[in-house]
Amino acid sequence: EEWLKSSTDSFRRAGIPVFIDRSEPVLRDAWPLPDTILYFG
């Protein structure tokens, strides 16, 4: 979890917008995620 949170902070500082899902299940079906260039989960 800490690796993911630290990565999020790196993206934020670099000016890469982040959508973060904080719930236990994986991101729900059909959730729109346009222009995704980096995914970690």
All heavy atoms as atom14 arrays in JSON, in Angstrom:
{
  "sequence": "EEWLKSSTDSFRRAGIPVFIDRSEPVLRDAWPLPDTILYFG",
  "atom14_mask": [
    [1, 1, 1, 1, 1, 1, 1, 1, 1, 0, 0, 0, 0, 0],
    [1, 1, 1, 1, 1, 1, 1, 1, 1, 0, 0, 0, 0, 0],
    [1, 1, 1, 1, 1, 1, 1, 1, 1, 1, 1, 1, 1, 1],
    [1, 1, 1, 1, 1, 1, 1, 1, 0, 0, 0, 0, 0, 0],
    [1, 1, 1, 1, 1, 1, 1, 1, 1, 0, 0, 0, 0, 0],
    [1, 1, 1, 1, 1, 1, 0, 0, 0, 0, 0, 0, 0, 0],
    [1, 1, 1, 1, 1, 1, 0, 0, 0, 0, 0, 0, 0, 0],
    [1, 1, 1, 1, 1, 1, 1, 0, 0, 0, 0, 0, 0, 0],
    [1, 1, 1, 1, 1, 1, 1, 1, 0, 0, 0, 0, 0, 0],
    [1, 1, 1, 1, 1, 1, 0, 0, 0, 0, 0, 0, 0, 0],
    [1, 1, 1, 1, 1, 1, 1, 1, 1, 1, 1, 0, 0, 0],
    [1, 1, 1, 1, 1, 1, 1, 1, 1, 1, 1, 0, 0, 0],
    [1, 1, 1, 1, 1, 1, 1, 1, 1, 1, 1, 0, 0, 0],
    [1, 1, 1, 1, 1, 0, 0, 0, 0, 0, 0, 0, 0, 0],
    [1, 1, 1, 1, 0, 0, 0, 0, 0, 0, 0, 0, 0, 0],
    [1, 1, 1, 1, 1, 1, 1, 1, 0, 0, 0, 0, 0, 0],
    [1, 1, 1, 1, 1, 1, 1, 0, 0, 0, 0, 0, 0, 0],
    [1, 1, 1, 1, 1, 1, 1, 0, 0, 0, 0, 0, 0, 0],
    [1, 1, 1, 1, 1, 1, 1, 1, 1, 1, 1, 0, 0, 0],
    [1, 1, 1, 1, 1, 1, 1, 1, 0, 0, 0, 0, 0, 0],
    [1, 1, 1, 1, 1, 1, 1, 1, 0, 0, 0, 0, 0, 0],
    [1, 1, 1, 1, 1, 1, 1, 1, 1, 1, 1, 0, 0, 0],
    [1, 1, 1, 1, 1, 1, 0, 0, 0, 0, 0, 0, 0, 0],
    [1, 1, 1, 1, 1, 1, 1, 1, 1, 0, 0, 0, 0, 0],
    [1, 1, 1, 1, 1, 1, 1, 0, 0, 0, 0, 0, 0, 0],
    [1, 1, 1, 1, 1, 1, 1, 0, 0, 0, 0, 0, 0, 0],
    [1, 1, 1, 1, 1, 1, 1, 1, 0, 0, 0, 0, 0, 0],
    [1, 1, 1, 1, 1, 1, 1, 1, 1, 1, 1, 0, 0, 0],
    [1, 1, 1, 1, 1, 1, 1, 1, 0, 0, 0, 0, 0, 0],
    [1, 1, 1, 1, 1, 0, 0, 0, 0, 0, 0, 0, 0, 0],
    [1, 1, 1, 1, 1, 1, 1, 1, 1, 1, 1, 1, 1, 1],
    [1, 1, 1, 1, 1, 1, 1, 0, 0, 0, 0, 0, 0, 0],
    [1, 1, 1, 1, 1, 1, 1, 1, 0, 0, 0, 0, 0, 0],
    [1, 1, 1, 1, 1, 1, 1, 0, 0, 0, 0, 0, 0, 0],
    [1, 1, 1, 1, 1, 1, 1, 1, 0, 0, 0, 0, 0, 0],
    [1, 1, 1, 1, 1, 1, 1, 0, 0, 0, 0, 0, 0, 0],
    [1, 1, 1, 1, 1, 1, 1, 1, 0, 0, 0, 0, 0, 0],
    [1, 1, 1, 1, 1, 1, 1, 1, 0, 0, 0, 0, 0, 0],
    [1, 1, 1, 1, 1, 1, 1, 1, 1, 1, 1, 1, 0, 0],
    [1, 1, 1, 1, 1, 1, 1, 1, 1, 1, 1, 0, 0, 0],
    [1, 1, 1, 1, 0, 0, 0, 0, 0, 0, 0, 0, 0, 0]
  ],
  "atom14_positions": [
    [[0.83, -1.2, 0.0], [0.0, 0.0, 0.0], [0.87, 1.26, 0.0], [0.57, 2.24, -0.69], [-0.91, 0.01, 1.23], [-1.98, -1.06, 1.23], [-3.15, -0.74, 0.3], [-3.74, 0.35, 0.42], [-3.44, -1.58, -0.56], [0.0, 0.0, 0.0], [0.0, 0.0, 0.0], [0.0, 0.0, 0.0], [0.0, 0.0, 0.0], [0.0, 0.0, 0.0]],
    [[1.95, 1.21, 0.77], [2.83, 2.38, 0.85], [3.52, 2.63, -0.49], [3.75, 3.79, -0.86], [3.86, 2.19, 1.96], [3.27, 2.14, 3.35], [2.4, 3.35, 3.66], [2.79, 4.48, 3.31], [1.31, 3.18, 4.25], [0.0, 0.0, 0.0], [0.0, 0.0, 0.0], [0.0, 0.0, 0.0], [0.0, 0.0, 0.0], [0.0, 0.0, 0.0]],
    [[3.89, 1.57, -1.22], [4.47, 1.77, -2.56], [3.5, 2.53, -3.45], [3.91, 3.43, -4.2], [4.78, 0.43, -3.21], [5.78, -0.42, -2.52], [6.66, -0.05, -1.55], [6.0, -1.82, -2.76], [7.41, -1.13, -1.16], [7.03, -2.21, -1.88], [5.44, -2.76, -3.6], [7.51, -3.53, -1.85], [5.9, -4.06, -3.58], [6.93, -4.44, -2.71]],
    [[2.23, 2.16, -3.4], [1.23, 2.79, -4.24], [1.0, 4.25, -3.84], [0.89, 5.13, -4.69], [-0.08, 2.01, -4.17], [-0.06, 0.62, -4.83], [-1.29, -0.17, -4.45], [0.04, 0.75, -6.35], [0.0, 0.0, 0.0], [0.0, 0.0, 0.0], [0.0, 0.0, 0.0], [0.0, 0.0, 0.0], [0.0, 0.0, 0.0], [0.0, 0.0, 0.0]],
    [[0.95, 4.5, -2.55], [0.75, 5.87, -2.08], [1.95, 6.75, -2.43], [1.79, 7.91, -2.83], [0.5, 5.88, -0.57], [-0.82, 5.24, -0.17], [-0.95, 5.15, 1.35], [-2.24, 4.43, 1.75], [-2.33, 4.27, 3.23], [0.0, 0.0, 0.0], [0.0, 0.0, 0.0], [0.0, 0.0, 0.0], [0.0, 0.0, 0.0], [0.0, 0.0, 0.0]],
    [[3.14, 6.2, -2.3], [4.34, 6.96, -2.65], [4.4, 7.24, -4.15], [4.79, 8.33, -4.57], [5.59, 6.18, -2.21], [6.76, 6.88, -2.53], [0.0, 0.0, 0.0], [0.0, 0.0, 0.0], [0.0, 0.0, 0.0], [0.0, 0.0, 0.0], [0.0, 0.0, 0.0], [0.0, 0.0, 0.0], [0.0, 0.0, 0.0], [0.0, 0.0, 0.0]],
    [[3.98, 6.25, -4.96], [3.92, 6.47, -6.41], [2.94, 7.58, -6.74], [3.21, 8.43, -7.61], [3.5, 5.18, -7.12], [4.47, 4.16, -6.97], [0.0, 0.0, 0.0], [0.0, 0.0, 0.0], [0.0, 0.0, 0.0], [0.0, 0.0, 0.0], [0.0, 0.0, 0.0], [0.0, 0.0, 0.0], [0.0, 0.0, 0.0], [0.0, 0.0, 0.0]],
    [[1.79, 7.59, -6.07], [0.8, 8.64, -6.27], [1.4, 10.01, -6.01], [1.18, 10.96, -6.77], [-0.41, 8.4, -5.35], [-1.0, 7.13, -5.64], [-1.45, 9.49, -5.52], [0.0, 0.0, 0.0], [0.0, 0.0, 0.0], [0.0, 0.0, 0.0], [0.0, 0.0, 0.0], [0.0, 0.0, 0.0], [0.0, 0.0, 0.0], [0.0, 0.0, 0.0]],
    [[2.19, 10.11, -4.95], [2.81, 11.38, -4.61], [3.83, 11.79, -5.67], [3.93, 12.97, -6.02], [3.48, 11.28, -3.24], [3.81, 12.64, -2.65], [2.95, 13.54, -2.69], [4.95, 12.82, -2.18], [0.0, 0.0, 0.0], [0.0, 0.0, 0.0], [0.0, 0.0, 0.0], [0.0, 0.0, 0.0], [0.0, 0.0, 0.0], [0.0, 0.0, 0.0]],
    [[4.57, 10.81, -6.21], [5.53, 11.11, -7.28], [4.81, 11.64, -8.52], [5.26, 12.61, -9.15], [6.33, 9.87, -7.64], [7.19, 9.48, -6.59], [0.0, 0.0, 0.0], [0.0, 0.0, 0.0], [0.0, 0.0, 0.0], [0.0, 0.0, 0.0], [0.0, 0.0, 0.0], [0.0, 0.0, 0.0], [0.0, 0.0, 0.0], [0.0, 0.0, 0.0]],
    [[3.69, 11.01, -8.87], [2.93, 11.46, -10.03], [2.41, 12.89, -9.8], [2.48, 13.74, -10.7], [1.75, 10.52, -10.31], [2.13, 9.1, -10.61], [1.31, 8.05, -10.23], [3.31, 8.8, -11.27], [1.64, 6.74, -10.51], [3.65, 7.49, -11.56], [2.81, 6.46, -11.18], [0.0, 0.0, 0.0], [0.0, 0.0, 0.0], [0.0, 0.0, 0.0]],
    [[1.9, 13.13, -8.61], [1.34, 14.46, -8.31], [2.42, 15.53, -8.46], [2.19, 16.57, -9.09], [0.77, 14.48, -6.89], [0.19, 15.82, -6.47], [-0.17, 15.85, -4.99], [1.0, 15.63, -4.15], [1.91, 16.55, -3.86], [1.82, 17.78, -4.37], [2.93, 16.27, -3.07], [0.0, 0.0, 0.0], [0.0, 0.0, 0.0], [0.0, 0.0, 0.0]],
    [[3.59, 15.3, -7.9], [4.67, 16.29, -7.98], [5.14, 16.5, -9.42], [5.59, 17.58, -9.79], [5.85, 15.86, -7.11], [5.57, 15.92, -5.61], [6.87, 15.86, -4.81], [7.64, 14.69, -5.16], [7.55, 13.5, -4.56], [6.68, 13.34, -3.57], [8.31, 12.5, -4.93], [0.0, 0.0, 0.0], [0.0, 0.0, 0.0], [0.0, 0.0, 0.0]],
    [[5.05, 15.44, -10.23], [5.47, 15.54, -11.62], [4.43, 16.19, -12.51], [4.68, 16.44, -13.7], [5.81, 14.15, -12.16], [0.0, 0.0, 0.0], [0.0, 0.0, 0.0], [0.0, 0.0, 0.0], [0.0, 0.0, 0.0], [0.0, 0.0, 0.0], [0.0, 0.0, 0.0], [0.0, 0.0, 0.0], [0.0, 0.0, 0.0], [0.0, 0.0, 0.0]],
    [[3.24, 16.47, -11.97], [2.19, 17.08, -12.77], [1.41, 16.09, -13.6], [0.81, 16.46, -14.62], [0.0, 0.0, 0.0], [0.0, 0.0, 0.0], [0.0, 0.0, 0.0], [0.0, 0.0, 0.0], [0.0, 0.0, 0.0], [0.0, 0.0, 0.0], [0.0, 0.0, 0.0], [0.0, 0.0, 0.0], [0.0, 0.0, 0.0], [0.0, 0.0, 0.0]],
    [[1.42, 14.83, -13.19], [0.62, 13.81, -13.87], [-0.67, 13.62, -13.07], [-0.62, 13.2, -11.91], [1.38, 12.48, -13.98], [2.66, 12.68, -14.81], [0.5, 11.4, -14.6], [3.55, 11.45, -14.87], [0.0, 0.0, 0.0], [0.0, 0.0, 0.0], [0.0, 0.0, 0.0], [0.0, 0.0, 0.0], [0.0, 0.0, 0.0], [0.0, 0.0, 0.0]],
    [[-1.82, 13.94, -13.63], [-3.08, 13.81, -12.89], [-3.31, 12.35, -12.48], [-3.0, 11.43, -13.23], [-4.14, 14.27, -13.88], [-3.4, 15.02, -14.94], [-2.04, 14.42, -15.01], [0.0, 0.0, 0.0], [0.0, 0.0, 0.0], [0.0, 0.0, 0.0], [0.0, 0.0, 0.0], [0.0, 0.0, 0.0], [0.0, 0.0, 0.0], [0.0, 0.0, 0.0]],
    [[-3.87, 12.16, -11.3], [-4.06, 10.81, -10.75], [-5.51, 10.6, -10.35], [-6.09, 11.42, -9.63], [-3.17, 10.57, -9.52], [-3.27, 9.11, -9.06], [-1.72, 10.95, -9.8], [0.0, 0.0, 0.0], [0.0, 0.0, 0.0], [0.0, 0.0, 0.0], [0.0, 0.0, 0.0], [0.0, 0.0, 0.0], [0.0, 0.0, 0.0], [0.0, 0.0, 0.0]],
    [[-6.08, 9.49, -10.81], [-7.33, 9.01, -10.22], [-6.97, 7.88, -9.28], [-6.38, 6.88, -9.69], [-8.31, 8.51, -11.27], [-9.61, 8.02, -10.65], [-10.63, 8.92, -10.41], [-9.78, 6.69, -10.29], [-11.82, 8.49, -9.81], [-10.96, 6.26, -9.7], [-11.98, 7.16, -9.46], [0.0, 0.0, 0.0], [0.0, 0.0, 0.0], [0.0, 0.0, 0.0]],
    [[-7.29, 8.04, -8.01], [-6.96, 7.01, -7.02], [-8.24, 6.4, -6.47], [-9.19, 7.11, -6.13], [-6.08, 7.59, -5.88], [-5.63, 6.48, -4.92], [-6.78, 8.72, -5.15], [-4.55, 6.9, -3.95], [0.0, 0.0, 0.0], [0.0, 0.0, 0.0], [0.0, 0.0, 0.0], [0.0, 0.0, 0.0], [0.0, 0.0, 0.0], [0.0, 0.0, 0.0]],
    [[-8.27, 5.07, -6.42], [-9.41, 4.35, -5.85], [-8.98, 3.8, -4.49], [-8.04, 3.01, -4.42], [-9.84, 3.21, -6.77], [-11.03, 2.46, -6.2], [-12.1, 3.07, -6.08], [-10.86, 1.28, -5.85], [0.0, 0.0, 0.0], [0.0, 0.0, 0.0], [0.0, 0.0, 0.0], [0.0, 0.0, 0.0], [0.0, 0.0, 0.0], [0.0, 0.0, 0.0]],
    [[-9.65, 4.22, -3.45], [-9.24, 3.86, -2.09], [-10.08, 2.73, -1.5], [-9.95, 2.43, -0.32], [-9.32, 5.09, -1.18], [-8.45, 6.25, -1.64], [-8.55, 7.44, -0.7], [-7.86, 8.62, -1.21], [-6.57, 8.86, -1.07], [-5.82, 8.0, -0.4], [-6.03, 9.96, -1.57], [0.0, 0.0, 0.0], [0.0, 0.0, 0.0], [0.0, 0.0, 0.0]],
    [[-10.92, 2.1, -2.3], [-11.75, 1.02, -1.78], [-11.04, -0.32, -1.92], [-10.11, -0.47, -2.73], [-13.09, 0.98, -2.51], [-12.9, 0.78, -3.89], [0.0, 0.0, 0.0], [0.0, 0.0, 0.0], [0.0, 0.0, 0.0], [0.0, 0.0, 0.0], [0.0, 0.0, 0.0], [0.0, 0.0, 0.0], [0.0, 0.0, 0.0], [0.0, 0.0, 0.0]],
    [[-11.47, -1.29, -1.16], [-10.79, -2.6, -1.15], [-10.93, -3.35, -2.47], [-9.95, -3.88, -2.97], [-11.34, -3.45, 0.0], [-10.65, -4.79, 0.13], [-11.14, -5.57, 1.33], [-11.85, -5.0, 2.17], [-10.82, -6.78, 1.42], [0.0, 0.0, 0.0], [0.0, 0.0, 0.0], [0.0, 0.0, 0.0], [0.0, 0.0, 0.0], [0.0, 0.0, 0.0]],
    [[-12.11, -3.42, -3.09], [-12.21, -4.13, -4.37], [-11.47, -3.38, -5.48], [-11.2, -2.18, -5.36], [-13.71, -4.17, -4.65], [-14.38, -3.8, -3.36], [-13.42, -2.93, -2.63], [0.0, 0.0, 0.0], [0.0, 0.0, 0.0], [0.0, 0.0, 0.0], [0.0, 0.0, 0.0], [0.0, 0.0, 0.0], [0.0, 0.0, 0.0], [0.0, 0.0, 0.0]],
    [[-11.18, -4.08, -6.56], [-10.59, -3.4, -7.72], [-11.62, -2.42, -8.29], [-12.81, -2.52, -8.01], [-10.15, -4.4, -8.81], [-9.03, -5.29, -8.31], [-11.33, -5.23, -9.29], [0.0, 0.0, 0.0], [0.0, 0.0, 0.0], [0.0, 0.0, 0.0], [0.0, 0.0, 0.0], [0.0, 0.0, 0.0], [0.0, 0.0, 0.0], [0.0, 0.0, 0.0]],
    [[-11.14, -1.49, -9.09], [-12.02, -0.5, -9.71], [-13.2, -1.18, -10.4], [-13.03, -2.15, -11.13], [-11.23, 0.3, -10.73], [-10.46, 1.51, -10.18], [-9.35, 1.91, -11.14], [-11.42, 2.68, -9.99], [0.0, 0.0, 0.0], [0.0, 0.0, 0.0], [0.0, 0.0, 0.0], [0.0, 0.0, 0.0], [0.0, 0.0, 0.0], [0.0, 0.0, 0.0]],
    [[-14.38, -0.66, -10.18], [-15.6, -1.31, -10.63], [-15.67, -1.39, -12.16], [-15.06, -0.58, -12.88], [-16.83, -0.6, -10.07], [-17.06, 0.78, -10.58], [-18.34, 1.39, -10.0], [-18.21, 1.7, -8.57], [-18.85, 1.01, -7.62], [-19.64, 0.0, -7.92], [-18.7, 1.35, -6.36], [0.0, 0.0, 0.0], [0.0, 0.0, 0.0], [0.0, 0.0, 0.0]],
    [[-16.43, -2.36, -12.64], [-16.62, -2.57, -14.07], [-17.1, -1.27, -14.74], [-17.95, -0.55, -14.2], [-17.67, -3.66, -14.33], [-17.17, -5.04, -13.97], [-15.95, -5.2, -13.82], [-18.01, -5.96, -13.83], [0.0, 0.0, 0.0], [0.0, 0.0, 0.0], [0.0, 0.0, 0.0], [0.0, 0.0, 0.0], [0.0, 0.0, 0.0], [0.0, 0.0, 0.0]],
    [[-16.55, -1.03, -15.92], [-16.97, 0.07, -16.81], [-16.65, 1.46, -16.27], [-17.08, 2.45, -16.85], [-18.47, -0.03, -17.12], [0.0, 0.0, 0.0], [0.0, 0.0, 0.0], [0.0, 0.0, 0.0], [0.0, 0.0, 0.0], [0.0, 0.0, 0.0], [0.0, 0.0, 0.0], [0.0, 0.0, 0.0], [0.0, 0.0, 0.0], [0.0, 0.0, 0.0]],
    [[-15.9, 1.54, -15.18], [-15.54, 2.86, -14.65], [-14.67, 3.57, -15.69], [-13.68, 3.03, -16.15], [-14.81, 2.74, -13.33], [-14.67, 4.07, -12.64], [-13.6, 4.91, -12.67], [-15.66, 4.72, -11.84], [-13.85, 6.04, -11.95], [-15.11, 5.96, -11.42], [-16.96, 4.38, -11.45], [-15.82, 6.84, -10.62], [-17.66, 5.27, -10.64], [-17.1, 6.48, -10.23]],
    [[-15.01, 4.79, -16.1], [-14.28, 5.45, -17.18], [-12.91, 5.95, -16.73], [-12.8, 6.69, -15.75], [-15.2, 6.62, -17.56], [-16.0, 6.89, -16.33], [-16.17, 5.59, -15.62], [0.0, 0.0, 0.0], [0.0, 0.0, 0.0], [0.0, 0.0, 0.0], [0.0, 0.0, 0.0], [0.0, 0.0, 0.0], [0.0, 0.0, 0.0], [0.0, 0.0, 0.0]],
    [[-11.88, 5.56, -17.47], [-10.49, 5.93, -17.16], [-9.8, 6.36, -18.45], [-8.97, 5.65, -19.0], [-9.75, 4.73, -16.53], [-10.34, 4.17, -15.23], [-9.71, 2.84, -14.89], [-10.15, 5.17, -14.08], [0.0, 0.0, 0.0], [0.0, 0.0, 0.0], [0.0, 0.0, 0.0], [0.0, 0.0, 0.0], [0.0, 0.0, 0.0], [0.0, 0.0, 0.0]],
    [[-10.14, 7.53, -18.96], [-9.6, 7.94, -20.26], [-8.12, 8.29, -20.17], [-7.61, 8.71, -19.12], [-10.43, 9.19, -20.59], [-10.79, 9.77, -19.25], [-11.0, 8.58, -18.36], [0.0, 0.0, 0.0], [0.0, 0.0, 0.0], [0.0, 0.0, 0.0], [0.0, 0.0, 0.0], [0.0, 0.0, 0.0], [0.0, 0.0, 0.0], [0.0, 0.0, 0.0]],
    [[-7.41, 8.09, -21.27], [-6.03, 8.56, -21.42], [-5.11, 8.03, -20.33], [-4.21, 8.73, -19.85], [-5.97, 10.09, -21.42], [-6.83, 10.7, -22.52], [-6.93, 10.09, -23.61], [-7.43, 11.77, -22.29], [0.0, 0.0, 0.0], [0.0, 0.0, 0.0], [0.0, 0.0, 0.0], [0.0, 0.0, 0.0], [0.0, 0.0, 0.0], [0.0, 0.0, 0.0]],
    [[-5.31, 6.76, -19.94], [-4.48, 6.18, -18.89], [-3.1, 5.82, -19.44], [-2.98, 5.0, -20.35], [-5.14, 4.93, -18.29], [-6.41, 5.29, -17.74], [-4.28, 4.32, -17.19], [0.0, 0.0, 0.0], [0.0, 0.0, 0.0], [0.0, 0.0, 0.0], [0.0, 0.0, 0.0], [0.0, 0.0, 0.0], [0.0, 0.0, 0.0], [0.0, 0.0, 0.0]],
    [[-2.06, 6.44, -18.87], [-0.69, 6.15, -19.29], [0.09, 5.38, -18.23], [1.11, 4.76, -18.54], [0.08, 7.44, -19.65], [0.12, 8.4, -18.45], [-0.53, 8.11, -20.88], [1.08, 9.57, -18.63], [0.0, 0.0, 0.0], [0.0, 0.0, 0.0], [0.0, 0.0, 0.0], [0.0, 0.0, 0.0], [0.0, 0.0, 0.0], [0.0, 0.0, 0.0]],
    [[-0.4, 5.41, -17.0], [0.27, 4.7, -15.9], [-0.81, 4.06, -15.03], [-1.75, 4.74, -14.6], [1.11, 5.67, -15.06], [2.28, 6.35, -15.78], [2.74, 7.58, -15.02], [3.45, 5.36, -15.96], [0.0, 0.0, 0.0], [0.0, 0.0, 0.0], [0.0, 0.0, 0.0], [0.0, 0.0, 0.0], [0.0, 0.0, 0.0], [0.0, 0.0, 0.0]],
    [[-0.67, 2.77, -14.78], [-1.62, 2.07, -13.9], [-0.83, 1.19, -12.95], [0.02, 0.39, -13.37], [-2.6, 1.19, -14.68], [-3.3, 0.19, -13.79], [-4.38, 0.57, -13.0], [-2.84, -1.13, -13.68], [-4.99, -0.32, -12.14], [-3.46, -2.03, -12.83], [-4.52, -1.63, -12.06], [-5.12, -2.53, -11.2], [0.0, 0.0, 0.0], [0.0, 0.0, 0.0]],
    [[-1.14, 1.31, -11.65], [-0.54, 0.44, -10.65], [-1.61, 0.1, -9.62], [-2.3, 0.99, -9.1], [0.66, 1.13, -9.97], [1.79, 1.35, -10.92], [1.86, 2.52, -11.67], [2.76, 0.37, -11.12], [2.88, 2.72, -12.58], [3.78, 0.57, -12.03], [3.85, 1.74, -12.76], [0.0, 0.0, 0.0], [0.0, 0.0, 0.0], [0.0, 0.0, 0.0]],
    [[-1.77, -1.18, -9.36], [-2.77, -1.61, -8.4], [-2.53, -3.03, -7.93], [-1.58, -3.68, -8.34], [0.0, 0.0, 0.0], [0.0, 0.0, 0.0], [0.0, 0.0, 0.0], [0.0, 0.0, 0.0], [0.0, 0.0, 0.0], [0.0, 0.0, 0.0], [0.0, 0.0, 0.0], [0.0, 0.0, 0.0], [0.0, 0.0, 0.0], [0.0, 0.0, 0.0]]
  ]
}
